[in-house]
């Protein structure tokens, strides 16, 4: 068992007894594990009078019991082997095989669901109940084999530009590792990290005509990106073909040579649709990416190199459904929205939810160059925009604020998420603390309010 565990001496378990258990999302409270396996919950764990509460049908059935609900008598019956327990709403006593046991606080209805104390699992059924501070979870042990589920931490950042203006000047002056010096420890401490690569990587090509901004980085800058902790990049944006097809093909080859995985673009549509799959201890995470912002002619086709675009909607959604059949967690990067708009537009909101409806667990947005809000929808997380990360400075102050999103996942999907506030000025993102961090976290809170998402003082996502 992990260090930081101690006996969880009191707690309540919120119950949903009227429906088949289905996991409805993280962030609302501790997760529940039985012998190391996460229990799918039909309601989030909540606190009542400072005590944790978990859904009883899901939890006690995971412990091998049968749970019965009598609406007329307002009674919960839990049967496991020869042991039968009965609890009543509002009554601080329970009957266990003819014995009377105190139940504090008394069972109650919360949002139409019965609740019983989690300690009842110890008192009545003899199971061990443990609070794991490190993972903020409730662990129950039956005495049988313990199989800990694999868990991974994924890191996400926004737009990364490796060659233009101030970025290029500073890299030429200080070296390819310069942009990553202040964030390397955070990114490399995660198991896997993803960025949006907002430029071509090549020494060939000409700037595309009628395009105001064209970005191209030198191949050696990928050494800094890789050693900085980035493992996979999205190519699905409106800059990876800024210097034409040859430079784009060079980008693919250079990424492969430096060991950086790529999604969202390819030599043809089949390659652009191809996911990247990463595995840790049997936990499989699949990555895809698509863009809603692109010049005409940049779409990949059966024979033309280019990008996976969101407007190939049926193909994108099918790719997600197919990927969901082979991996535990699906991540989709999306280039969308309106530049410098602090709120997602209607297309982002509709499309983001459609991605989740088709199987995505994490939707990571970019293009607005500013932080937008975070939504939790059907247990999945939609970060509408993480803003700039490694980028040239401009006069728009809102673009200087950024974030690293750290997400813990297991085979059930998202377990936990935390925002690390970042100052993204001067092409060298740096974590901030104190008043600066509080200001950035408050900005994300304000922009996430519509979805009932809050951040605690440490940047951890919680649901109101």
Foldseek 3Di string as FASTA:
>chain_A
DDPQKDAPQWAKAWADDPDDAAAQAAFAAAFEAELQHTFRGNDDWHDDPNHTYHHDCRVLVVVVWHWDADPVQQKIWIGHDPWIKIAHAPDQWIAIPNDIDGFPPHWHHDPNTTMGMPCCCCVRVNWGWMQRPVQRHIYIYNPDHRDRFDKFKEKEWEEAACFDDLNNVCCVVPHLQQQLPFPLVVQQVGPAYEYAYQAFADPDADFDPPDPDEGYHHLCSVLNVVSSRHAEYEPADAHRQRRHDVSNVVRVVSCVVNRHHYEFWDQAVVRNLDWDWDDDPRAIEIEHEAEQDYDPPQDGHRHHTHGHHCVVVVSNLVSQLVVVVPHLAYEYEYEDAAALDQARDPVLVVSVVSSVVSPHQEYEYDDNQAFAEWAQGSRHIYRHHQHDAQDADDPPQRNQKGWMKMFMAGSNGTHWIFIFIWGRYSRHIHTDDDPSRVVSQVSRQVRHVVRQWHAPPRRIIHGD
